Amino acid sequence: MWKGLSGGRMAAVDSRLYRLLRSRTRPTTVIIHLGTNDIFTSPLKDLKNRIEENLKSIRKMLPDTRIIWSDIITRLFYYGEKSKGSGIKCKNQANKFAHKIIKGLTNAHYVCHGDWISSRQLPSRYDPFRRDGIHMSDNVGNVKFRERLGQALVFFNRHPEALKFPPE
């Protein structure tokens, strides 16, 4: 099952998941890829609280489902960023916090994306971003992102005890 929500925010996770669970069978795996749109809409402390609440709520709703946190991806810039680099710093802190929560859950993993998608040194047809510098391009960014998640799913199926993809 794939249910994406463009522009999604951490606050909407529970209600969206409840609606899906009423009309669909329980998934074997849930991938959570949220947080980028929340980075500067509230203080980092609130974002961390939402991450923890959402991950623990999902575990409670779906005790037998594999949970995978997909790290917040580096953007070229973030709305609300007051100084250069503050978005990346906030993203890194939120991801590190999510990793800590994932470590405390059963049947849970995380996918690190690093900065593989944040390069602007390529010709435009290979650019991982759309012109807005925020959204991934359909022909490069989204393709690479889906490939990365696919690789992670295969890895976690082969190594269910692993916590992180890619492994170190």
C-alpha atoms as a PDB file:
ATOM      1  CA  MET A   1       0.000   0.000   0.000  1.00  0.00           C
ATOM      2  CA  TRP A   2       1.321   3.440  -0.847  1.00  0.00           C
ATOM      3  CA  LYS A   3      -0.356   6.551   0.454  1.00  0.00           C
ATOM      4  CA  GLY A   4       1.581   9.727   0.014  1.00  0.00           C
ATOM      5  CA  LEU A   5       0.469  13.152   1.079  1.00  0.00           C
ATOM      6  CA  SER A   6       2.184  16.057  -0.556  1.00  0.00           C
ATOM      7  CA  GLY A   7       2.868  18.813   1.923  1.00  0.00           C
ATOM      8  CA  GLY A   8       2.200  16.494   4.842  1.00  0.00           C
ATOM      9  CA  ARG A   9       2.906  17.549   8.402  1.00  0.00           C
ATOM     10  CA  MET A  10       3.662  15.585  11.545  1.00  0.00           C
ATOM     11  CA  ALA A  11       0.410  16.683  13.206  1.00  0.00           C
ATOM     12  CA  ALA A  12      -1.685  14.873  10.575  1.00  0.00           C
ATOM     13  CA  VAL A  13      -0.122  11.406  10.926  1.00  0.00           C
ATOM     14  CA  ASP A  14      -2.490   9.867  13.479  1.00  0.00           C
ATOM     15  CA  SER A  15      -5.731  11.010  11.869  1.00  0.00           C
ATOM     16  CA  ARG A  16      -4.573   9.986   8.396  1.00  0.00           C
ATOM     17  CA  LEU A  17      -3.438   6.568   9.612  1.00  0.00           C
ATOM     18  CA  TYR A  18      -6.716   5.994  11.491  1.00  0.00           C
ATOM     19  CA  ARG A  19      -8.685   6.695   8.292  1.00  0.00           C
ATOM     20  CA  LEU A  20      -6.513   4.315   6.280  1.00  0.00           C
ATOM     21  CA  LEU A  21      -6.800   1.548   8.854  1.00  0.00           C
ATOM     22  CA  ARG A  22     -10.602   1.712   8.751  1.00  0.00           C
ATOM     23  CA  SER A  23     -10.687   0.997   5.025  1.00  0.00           C
ATOM     24  CA  ARG A  24      -7.612  -1.157   4.410  1.00  0.00           C
ATOM     25  CA  THR A  25      -5.843  -4.187   5.772  1.00  0.00           C
ATOM     26  CA  ARG A  26      -3.040  -3.585   8.215  1.00  0.00           C
ATOM     27  CA  PRO A  27       0.267  -3.029   6.438  1.00  0.00           C
ATOM     28  CA  THR A  28       3.329  -5.171   7.072  1.00  0.00           C
ATOM     29  CA  THR A  29       5.546  -2.068   6.785  1.00  0.00           C
ATOM     30  CA  VAL A  30       4.971   1.648   7.325  1.00  0.00           C
ATOM     31  CA  ILE A  31       7.509   4.159   6.040  1.00  0.00           C
ATOM     32  CA  ILE A  32       7.336   7.548   7.712  1.00  0.00           C
ATOM     33  CA  HIS A  33       8.875  10.308   5.637  1.00  0.00           C
ATOM     34  CA  LEU A  34       7.788  13.554   7.278  1.00  0.00           C
ATOM     35  CA  GLY A  35       9.215  16.523   9.074  1.00  0.00           C
ATOM     36  CA  THR A  36      10.647  18.734   6.363  1.00  0.00           C
ATOM     37  CA  ASN A  37       7.513  20.888   6.238  1.00  0.00           C
ATOM     38  CA  ASP A  38       7.543  21.152  10.041  1.00  0.00           C
ATOM     39  CA  ILE A  39      11.121  22.353  10.484  1.00  0.00           C
ATOM     40  CA  PHE A  40      10.405  26.062  10.872  1.00  0.00           C
ATOM     41  CA  THR A  41       6.665  26.067  11.497  1.00  0.00           C
ATOM     42  CA  SER A  42       7.250  25.397  15.192  1.00  0.00           C
ATOM     43  CA  PRO A  43      10.196  25.185  17.598  1.00  0.00           C
ATOM     44  CA  LEU A  44      12.536  22.190  17.268  1.00  0.00           C
ATOM     45  CA  LYS A  45      11.388  20.967  20.686  1.00  0.00           C
ATOM     46  CA  ASP A  46       7.806  20.712  19.386  1.00  0.00           C
ATOM     47  CA  LEU A  47       8.949  18.889  16.247  1.00  0.00           C
ATOM     48  CA  LYS A  48      10.855  16.371  18.377  1.00  0.00           C
ATOM     49  CA  ASN A  49       7.776  15.868  20.579  1.00  0.00           C
ATOM     50  CA  ARG A  50       5.643  15.213  17.487  1.00  0.00           C
ATOM     51  CA  ILE A  51       8.184  12.753  16.106  1.00  0.00           C
ATOM     52  CA  GLU A  52       8.176  10.829  19.379  1.00  0.00           C
ATOM     53  CA  GLU A  53       4.386  10.926  19.729  1.00  0.00           C
ATOM     54  CA  ASN A  54       3.852   9.783  16.140  1.00  0.00           C
ATOM     55  CA  LEU A  55       6.337   6.923  16.214  1.00  0.00           C
ATOM     56  CA  LYS A  56       5.042   5.623  19.540  1.00  0.00           C
ATOM     57  CA  SER A  57       1.426   6.043  18.422  1.00  0.00           C
ATOM     58  CA  ILE A  58       2.096   4.105  15.229  1.00  0.00           C
ATOM     59  CA  ARG A  59       3.743   1.337  17.253  1.00  0.00           C
ATOM     60  CA  LYS A  60       0.691   1.205  19.524  1.00  0.00           C
ATOM     61  CA  MET A  61      -1.774   1.156  16.592  1.00  0.00           C
ATOM     62  CA  LEU A  62       0.278  -1.355  14.608  1.00  0.00           C
ATOM     63  CA  PRO A  63       2.185  -3.521  17.098  1.00  0.00           C
ATOM     64  CA  ASP A  64       3.245  -6.119  14.497  1.00  0.00           C
ATOM     65  CA  THR A  65       4.038  -3.736  11.639  1.00  0.00           C
ATOM     66  CA  ARG A  66       7.599  -2.845  10.696  1.00  0.00           C
ATOM     67  CA  ILE A  67       8.173   0.902  11.118  1.00  0.00           C
ATOM     68  CA  ILE A  68      10.792   2.633   9.000  1.00  0.00           C
ATOM     69  CA  TRP A  69      11.730   6.251   9.619  1.00  0.00           C
ATOM     70  CA  SER A  70      12.994   7.830   6.402  1.00  0.00           C
ATOM     71  CA  ASP A  71      15.293  10.694   7.362  1.00  0.00           C
ATOM     72  CA  ILE A  72      14.315  14.242   6.543  1.00  0.00           C
ATOM     73  CA  ILE A  73      16.167  15.080   3.345  1.00  0.00           C
ATOM     74  CA  THR A  74      18.463  18.048   2.867  1.00  0.00           C
ATOM     75  CA  ARG A  75      16.902  20.806   0.793  1.00  0.00           C
ATOM     76  CA  LEU A  76      18.667  23.656  -0.901  1.00  0.00           C
ATOM     77  CA  PHE A  77      16.769  25.976   1.428  1.00  0.00           C
ATOM     78  CA  TYR A  78      13.945  25.856   3.958  1.00  0.00           C
ATOM     79  CA  TYR A  79      11.022  28.254   4.297  1.00  0.00           C
ATOM     80  CA  GLY A  80      11.546  30.231   7.467  1.00  0.00           C
ATOM     81  CA  GLU A  81      15.295  29.654   7.588  1.00  0.00           C
ATOM     82  CA  LYS A  82      16.745  32.758   9.246  1.00  0.00           C
ATOM     83  CA  SER A  83      20.405  32.019   8.645  1.00  0.00           C
ATOM     84  CA  LYS A  84      22.179  29.866   6.089  1.00  0.00           C
ATOM     85  CA  GLY A  85      22.662  26.353   7.416  1.00  0.00           C
ATOM     86  CA  SER A  86      20.098  26.589  10.217  1.00  0.00           C
ATOM     87  CA  GLY A  87      17.691  24.350   8.265  1.00  0.00           C
ATOM     88  CA  ILE A  88      20.302  21.642   7.845  1.00  0.00           C
ATOM     89  CA  LYS A  89      21.228  21.885  11.532  1.00  0.00           C
ATOM     90  CA  CYS A  90      17.572  21.539  12.562  1.00  0.00           C
ATOM     91  CA  LYS A  91      17.055  18.639  10.116  1.00  0.00           C
ATOM     92  CA  ASN A  92      20.094  16.829  11.507  1.00  0.00           C
ATOM     93  CA  GLN A  93      18.924  17.260  15.101  1.00  0.00           C
ATOM     94  CA  ALA A  94      15.417  16.025  14.259  1.00  0.00           C
ATOM     95  CA  ASN A  95      16.795  12.966  12.438  1.00  0.00           C
ATOM     96  CA  LYS A  96      19.181  12.147  15.274  1.00  0.00           C
ATOM     97  CA  PHE A  97      16.284  12.364  17.721  1.00  0.00           C
ATOM     98  CA  ALA A  98      14.108  10.109  15.522  1.00  0.00           C
ATOM     99  CA  HIS A  99      16.938   7.544  15.433  1.00  0.00           C
ATOM    100  CA  LYS A 100      16.978   7.538  19.240  1.00  0.00           C
ATOM    101  CA  ILE A 101      13.218   6.877  19.376  1.00  0.00           C
ATOM    102  CA  ILE A 102      13.437   4.164  16.705  1.00  0.00           C
ATOM    103  CA  LYS A 103      16.152   2.398  18.739  1.00  0.00           C
ATOM    104  CA  GLY A 104      13.672   2.116  21.617  1.00  0.00           C
ATOM    105  CA  LEU A 105      10.922   0.511  19.512  1.00  0.00           C
ATOM    106  CA  THR A 106      10.606  -3.096  18.430  1.00  0.00           C
ATOM    107  CA  ASN A 107      10.653  -3.986  14.724  1.00  0.00           C
ATOM    108  CA  ALA A 108      11.727  -0.467  13.790  1.00  0.00           C
ATOM    109  CA  HIS A 109      14.470   0.871  11.535  1.00  0.00           C
ATOM    110  CA  TYR A 110      15.677   4.083   9.933  1.00  0.00           C
ATOM    111  CA  VAL A 111      16.995   5.086   6.523  1.00  0.00           C
ATOM    112  CA  CYS A 112      19.752   7.698   6.333  1.00  0.00           C
ATOM    113  CA  HIS A 113      19.786   9.701   3.131  1.00  0.00           C
ATOM    114  CA  GLY A 114      22.862  11.783   3.892  1.00  0.00           C
ATOM    115  CA  ASP A 115      23.311  14.604   1.426  1.00  0.00           C
ATOM    116  CA  TRP A 116      23.179  12.461  -1.733  1.00  0.00           C
ATOM    117  CA  ILE A 117      20.366  14.546  -3.124  1.00  0.00           C
ATOM    118  CA  SER A 118      21.506  18.055  -2.260  1.00  0.00           C
ATOM    119  CA  SER A 119      23.978  18.705  -5.063  1.00  0.00           C
ATOM    120  CA  ARG A 120      23.433  21.587  -7.464  1.00  0.00           C
ATOM    121  CA  GLN A 121      26.654  20.896  -9.343  1.00  0.00           C
ATOM    122  CA  LEU A 122      24.925  18.927 -12.099  1.00  0.00           C
ATOM    123  CA  PRO A 123      23.447  19.966 -15.443  1.00  0.00           C
ATOM    124  CA  SER A 124      19.738  20.793 -15.028  1.00  0.00           C
ATOM    125  CA  ARG A 125      18.509  17.525 -16.562  1.00  0.00           C
ATOM    126  CA  TYR A 126      20.364  15.672 -13.762  1.00  0.00           C
ATOM    127  CA  ASP A 127      19.328  18.068 -11.017  1.00  0.00           C
ATOM    128  CA  PRO A 128      17.675  16.229  -8.124  1.00  0.00           C
ATOM    129  CA  PHE A 129      15.524  19.299  -7.403  1.00  0.00           C
ATOM    130  CA  ARG A 130      12.839  21.191  -9.244  1.00  0.00           C
ATOM    131  CA  ARG A 131      13.517  24.839  -9.935  1.00  0.00           C
ATOM    132  CA  ASP A 132      12.037  25.837  -6.577  1.00  0.00           C
ATOM    133  CA  GLY A 133      14.998  24.184  -4.777  1.00  0.00           C
ATOM    134  CA  ILE A 134      12.617  22.465  -2.378  1.00  0.00           C
ATOM    135  CA  HIS A 135      10.827  19.653  -4.182  1.00  0.00           C
ATOM    136  CA  MET A 136      12.613  16.732  -5.774  1.00  0.00           C
ATOM    137  CA  SER A 137      12.514  16.518  -9.545  1.00  0.00           C
ATOM    138  CA  ASP A 138      10.419  13.739 -11.062  1.00  0.00           C
ATOM    139  CA  ASN A 139      13.129  12.445 -13.384  1.00  0.00           C
ATOM    140  CA  VAL A 140      16.063  12.391 -10.951  1.00  0.00           C
ATOM    141  CA  GLY A 141      15.292  13.242  -7.314  1.00  0.00           C
ATOM    142  CA  ASN A 142      12.151  11.170  -6.860  1.00  0.00           C
ATOM    143  CA  VAL A 143      13.639   8.285  -8.825  1.00  0.00           C
ATOM    144  CA  LYS A 144      16.748   8.208  -6.605  1.00  0.00           C
ATOM    145  CA  PHE A 145      14.618   8.555  -3.486  1.00  0.00           C
ATOM    146  CA  ARG A 146      12.364   5.626  -4.446  1.00  0.00           C
ATOM    147  CA  GLU A 147      15.403   3.528  -5.356  1.00  0.00           C
ATOM    148  CA  ARG A 148      16.928   4.265  -1.948  1.00  0.00           C
ATOM    149  CA  LEU A 149      13.749   3.246  -0.124  1.00  0.00           C
ATOM    150  CA  GLY A 150      13.489   0.095  -2.248  1.00  0.00           C
ATOM    151  CA  GLN A 151      17.072  -0.841  -1.381  1.00  0.00           C
ATOM    152  CA  ALA A 152      16.324  -0.245   2.296  1.00  0.00           C
ATOM    153  CA  LEU A 153      13.236  -2.492   2.201  1.00  0.00           C
ATOM    154  CA  VAL A 154      15.212  -5.310   0.599  1.00  0.00           C
ATOM    155  CA  PHE A 155      17.993  -4.853   3.154  1.00  0.00           C
ATOM    156  CA  PHE A 156      15.642  -4.871   6.167  1.00  0.00           C
ATOM    157  CA  ASN A 157      13.835  -7.960   4.823  1.00  0.00           C
ATOM    158  CA  ARG A 158      17.182  -9.761   4.589  1.00  0.00           C
ATOM    159  CA  HIS A 159      18.478  -8.323   7.883  1.00  0.00           C
ATOM    160  CA  PRO A 160      15.456  -7.790  10.165  1.00  0.00           C
ATOM    161  CA  GLU A 161      17.743  -7.237  13.148  1.00  0.00           C
ATOM    162  CA  ALA A 162      19.471  -4.278  11.465  1.00  0.00           C
ATOM    163  CA  LEU A 163      18.617  -0.832  12.750  1.00  0.00           C
ATOM    164  CA  LYS A 164      20.003   1.409  10.009  1.00  0.00           C
ATOM    165  CA  PHE A 165      20.286   1.612   6.233  1.00  0.00           C
ATOM    166  CA  PRO A 166      22.769   1.878   4.762  1.00  0.00           C
ATOM    167  CA  PRO A 167      24.748  -0.185   7.253  1.00  0.00           C
ATOM    168  CA  GLU A 168      28.031   1.288   8.381  1.00  0.00           C
END
